[in-house]
Amino acid sequence: MLRWRWVMSMSEPLYAFSIARTMYAGAVAGFIASWYVTVLLMASEYEIGFPMGTFYTVIGEVAGFRGADALYAGLALHILTSTVVGSLSALLLVTILRHWRLRGKVCIVCSYRAAGVGLILGFIIWLVLFLPVTFLIVEPSLASRAAGDLSMLYSTSVSVSALLSMVWVITVSALPYHLGYGATLGYLMSRLVRRMAITGRANI
């Protein structure tokens, strides 16, 4: 079995991690954290006055689904993306620790440090994933419908023009959600990696 080892600090143990278990632990953390965002999104939609699940319905419609399938497809894509991000994030963090030997500054087995790193990760996800999807895919799709005199979403009674007018508000308000998601992901990832992926250690 492949293992990665690195020094976290001169007074801390030298940990050996299983790559496969690390990625699995990250995937589980991402799956759980996705539901944190789902609850916040639906609560926000209720507060705004949109039907709950509007965000996922839009994503599902952009992906080509209609009716109830659009909601379920959008939710499934969100959960899948979060799960993959969690798995890759765990792999990235252990890679950083292995090659750069940061001596605990990005310690994946230290829950609160990992949550802090998760805040940075959440910002990066918002910047490199959410913004491009919003402005390069979702907004042009909604704009083309508005130009074609399609005033409502196909799958729910939400005005296309209302969504377009709130794109920037939604984009900015999504940042704290992503920060919260990142912190939750980092914390959960550290707990699960510590429980599932460490295969051995030796005092140094």
Protein backbone atom coordinates (compact mmCIF):
# COMPACT_ATOMS: atom_id res chain seq x y z
CA MET A 1 0.00 0.00 0.00
CA LEU A 2 1.27 3.42 -0.93
CA ARG A 3 1.98 5.70 1.96
CA TRP A 4 3.06 9.30 2.31
CA ARG A 5 5.14 10.47 5.24
CA TRP A 6 6.21 13.90 6.32
CA VAL A 7 7.47 15.76 9.39
CA MET A 8 4.78 17.97 10.91
CA SER A 9 7.07 19.48 13.54
CA MET A 10 10.20 18.52 15.36
CA SER A 11 8.16 17.59 18.44
CA GLU A 12 5.22 15.94 16.70
CA PRO A 13 4.91 12.38 15.38
CA LEU A 14 5.76 11.40 11.84
CA TYR A 15 2.47 10.23 10.32
CA ALA A 16 1.96 7.74 7.52
CA PHE A 17 -1.23 8.17 5.47
CA SER A 18 -3.00 5.91 3.04
CA ILE A 19 -3.65 7.83 -0.20
CA ALA A 20 -6.89 5.99 -0.95
CA ARG A 21 -8.22 6.39 2.59
CA THR A 22 -7.27 10.07 2.63
CA MET A 23 -9.25 10.69 -0.56
CA TYR A 24 -12.16 8.66 0.78
CA ALA A 25 -12.18 10.64 4.04
CA GLY A 26 -12.13 13.89 2.04
CA ALA A 27 -15.01 12.67 -0.11
CA VAL A 28 -17.11 11.84 2.96
CA ALA A 29 -16.32 15.27 4.44
CA GLY A 30 -17.31 16.96 1.16
CA PHE A 31 -20.57 15.01 1.01
CA ILE A 32 -21.51 16.01 4.55
CA ALA A 33 -20.49 19.65 4.05
CA SER A 34 -22.63 19.86 0.90
CA TRP A 35 -25.75 19.46 3.01
CA TYR A 36 -24.64 22.37 5.21
CA VAL A 37 -24.70 24.60 2.13
CA THR A 38 -28.00 23.09 0.95
CA VAL A 39 -29.75 24.00 4.19
CA LEU A 40 -28.38 27.57 4.08
CA LEU A 41 -29.35 28.01 0.42
CA MET A 42 -32.90 26.83 0.94
CA ALA A 43 -33.28 29.02 4.03
CA SER A 44 -32.05 32.01 2.01
CA GLU A 45 -34.43 31.24 -0.84
CA TYR A 46 -37.31 31.11 1.61
CA GLU A 47 -36.24 34.46 3.09
CA ILE A 48 -36.00 36.07 -0.37
CA GLY A 49 -39.36 34.67 -1.42
CA PHE A 50 -38.17 32.20 -4.03
CA PRO A 51 -39.44 28.60 -3.98
CA MET A 52 -37.01 26.44 -2.05
CA GLY A 53 -34.68 24.67 -4.43
CA THR A 54 -34.65 27.47 -7.02
CA PHE A 55 -30.84 27.50 -7.19
CA TYR A 56 -30.69 23.79 -7.89
CA THR A 57 -33.54 24.06 -10.38
CA VAL A 58 -31.60 26.69 -12.35
CA ILE A 59 -28.50 24.49 -12.39
CA GLY A 60 -30.58 21.50 -13.46
CA GLU A 61 -32.26 23.47 -16.25
CA VAL A 62 -28.92 24.75 -17.52
CA ALA A 63 -27.80 21.10 -17.61
CA GLY A 64 -30.83 20.28 -19.78
CA PHE A 65 -33.34 18.89 -17.28
CA ARG A 66 -36.96 20.00 -16.87
CA GLY A 67 -39.64 19.77 -14.21
CA ALA A 68 -38.87 18.04 -10.93
CA ASP A 69 -35.90 16.38 -12.60
CA ALA A 70 -34.21 19.80 -12.84
CA LEU A 71 -34.33 20.23 -9.06
CA TYR A 72 -33.02 16.75 -8.35
CA ALA A 73 -30.34 16.97 -11.04
CA GLY A 74 -29.13 20.33 -9.72
CA LEU A 75 -28.98 18.99 -6.17
CA ALA A 76 -27.16 15.86 -7.34
CA LEU A 77 -24.61 17.93 -9.27
CA HIS A 78 -24.02 20.11 -6.21
CA ILE A 79 -23.48 17.11 -3.93
CA LEU A 80 -21.26 15.36 -6.50
CA THR A 81 -19.14 18.49 -6.97
CA SER A 82 -18.76 18.95 -3.22
CA THR A 83 -17.79 15.30 -2.77
CA VAL A 84 -15.14 15.49 -5.51
CA VAL A 85 -13.82 18.78 -4.12
CA GLY A 86 -13.51 17.22 -0.67
CA SER A 87 -11.60 14.24 -2.02
CA LEU A 88 -9.22 16.36 -4.09
CA SER A 89 -8.75 18.85 -1.23
CA ALA A 90 -7.64 16.11 1.13
CA LEU A 91 -5.20 14.86 -1.49
CA LEU A 92 -3.93 18.40 -2.06
CA LEU A 93 -3.33 19.09 1.62
CA VAL A 94 -1.40 15.91 2.24
CA THR A 95 0.62 16.61 -0.92
CA ILE A 96 1.49 20.08 0.39
CA LEU A 97 2.54 18.65 3.72
CA ARG A 98 4.57 15.93 2.08
CA HIS A 99 6.53 18.10 -0.33
CA TRP A 100 6.78 21.42 1.47
CA ARG A 101 7.13 20.12 5.05
CA LEU A 102 5.20 22.99 6.58
CA ARG A 103 5.62 21.58 10.09
CA GLY A 104 2.01 21.74 11.19
CA LYS A 105 1.10 25.14 9.74
CA VAL A 106 -1.36 23.38 7.42
CA CYS A 107 -1.79 20.37 9.68
CA ILE A 108 -4.58 18.20 8.29
CA VAL A 109 -4.94 16.26 11.54
CA CYS A 110 -5.30 19.45 13.63
CA SER A 111 -9.01 20.24 13.41
CA TYR A 112 -8.97 23.98 14.02
CA ARG A 113 -5.97 24.63 11.80
CA ALA A 114 -7.66 22.57 9.09
CA ALA A 115 -10.82 24.66 9.50
CA GLY A 116 -8.71 27.80 9.00
CA VAL A 117 -7.21 26.34 5.85
CA GLY A 118 -10.76 25.43 4.82
CA LEU A 119 -11.68 29.13 4.87
CA ILE A 120 -9.00 29.76 2.26
CA LEU A 121 -10.19 26.74 0.31
CA GLY A 122 -13.78 28.03 0.39
CA PHE A 123 -12.66 31.36 -1.05
CA ILE A 124 -10.71 29.60 -3.81
CA ILE A 125 -13.76 27.48 -4.70
CA TRP A 126 -15.92 30.60 -4.87
CA LEU A 127 -13.32 32.32 -7.05
CA VAL A 128 -12.37 29.57 -9.50
CA LEU A 129 -15.59 27.50 -9.60
CA PHE A 130 -18.65 29.48 -8.54
CA LEU A 131 -17.82 32.73 -10.36
CA PRO A 132 -17.03 31.12 -13.75
CA VAL A 133 -20.12 28.89 -13.58
CA THR A 134 -22.31 31.87 -12.66
CA PHE A 135 -21.04 34.37 -15.22
CA LEU A 136 -19.98 32.08 -18.06
CA ILE A 137 -22.80 29.52 -17.95
CA VAL A 138 -25.79 30.42 -15.79
CA GLU A 139 -26.12 34.14 -16.52
CA PRO A 140 -25.78 33.78 -20.33
CA SER A 141 -28.35 30.97 -20.26
CA LEU A 142 -30.84 33.13 -18.36
CA ALA A 143 -30.11 36.13 -20.59
CA SER A 144 -30.78 34.11 -23.73
CA ARG A 145 -34.15 33.07 -22.33
CA ALA A 146 -35.03 36.66 -21.50
CA ALA A 147 -34.06 37.70 -25.04
CA GLY A 148 -36.29 34.94 -26.39
CA ASP A 149 -39.30 36.18 -24.42
CA LEU A 150 -39.19 33.31 -21.95
CA SER A 151 -40.17 35.16 -18.79
CA MET A 152 -40.27 32.23 -16.35
CA LEU A 153 -38.14 29.22 -15.53
CA TYR A 154 -39.38 26.05 -17.14
CA SER A 155 -39.67 24.11 -13.90
CA THR A 156 -40.84 26.62 -11.29
CA SER A 157 -42.69 29.93 -11.12
CA VAL A 158 -39.65 32.20 -10.83
CA SER A 159 -39.10 35.19 -13.10
CA VAL A 160 -36.00 35.02 -15.27
CA SER A 161 -35.63 38.80 -15.10
CA ALA A 162 -35.80 38.68 -11.28
CA LEU A 163 -32.96 36.16 -11.24
CA LEU A 164 -30.91 38.22 -13.67
CA SER A 165 -31.36 41.34 -11.59
CA MET A 166 -30.05 39.50 -8.52
CA VAL A 167 -27.00 37.84 -10.06
CA TRP A 168 -24.53 40.15 -8.34
CA VAL A 169 -26.41 39.99 -5.02
CA ILE A 170 -26.42 36.19 -5.21
CA THR A 171 -22.74 36.15 -6.17
CA VAL A 172 -21.64 38.30 -3.24
CA SER A 173 -23.90 36.52 -0.73
CA ALA A 174 -22.49 33.18 -1.92
CA LEU A 175 -19.04 34.10 -0.59
CA PRO A 176 -19.84 33.63 3.13
CA TYR A 177 -21.60 30.37 2.24
CA HIS A 178 -18.45 29.13 0.55
CA LEU A 179 -16.30 30.27 3.46
CA GLY A 180 -18.57 28.38 5.84
CA TYR A 181 -18.50 25.37 3.56
CA GLY A 182 -14.70 25.47 3.43
CA ALA A 183 -14.33 25.74 7.20
CA THR A 184 -16.80 22.89 7.72
CA LEU A 185 -15.05 20.81 5.08
CA GLY A 186 -11.63 21.42 6.63
CA TYR A 187 -12.80 20.53 10.12
CA LEU A 188 -14.62 17.38 9.04
CA MET A 189 -11.76 16.37 6.77
CA SER A 190 -9.25 16.59 9.60
CA ARG A 191 -11.43 14.52 11.91
CA LEU A 192 -12.12 11.86 9.30
CA VAL A 193 -8.55 11.68 8.02
CA ARG A 194 -7.31 11.26 11.57
CA ARG A 195 -9.85 8.49 12.15
CA MET A 196 -9.69 6.72 8.79
CA ALA A 197 -6.47 7.43 6.92
CA ILE A 198 -3.53 7.36 9.35
CA THR A 199 -1.79 4.02 9.00
CA GLY A 200 1.04 4.56 11.45
CA ARG A 201 3.30 7.02 13.22
CA ALA A 202 6.65 7.13 14.92
CA ASN A 203 7.96 9.67 17.41
CA ILE A 204 10.88 11.75 16.14
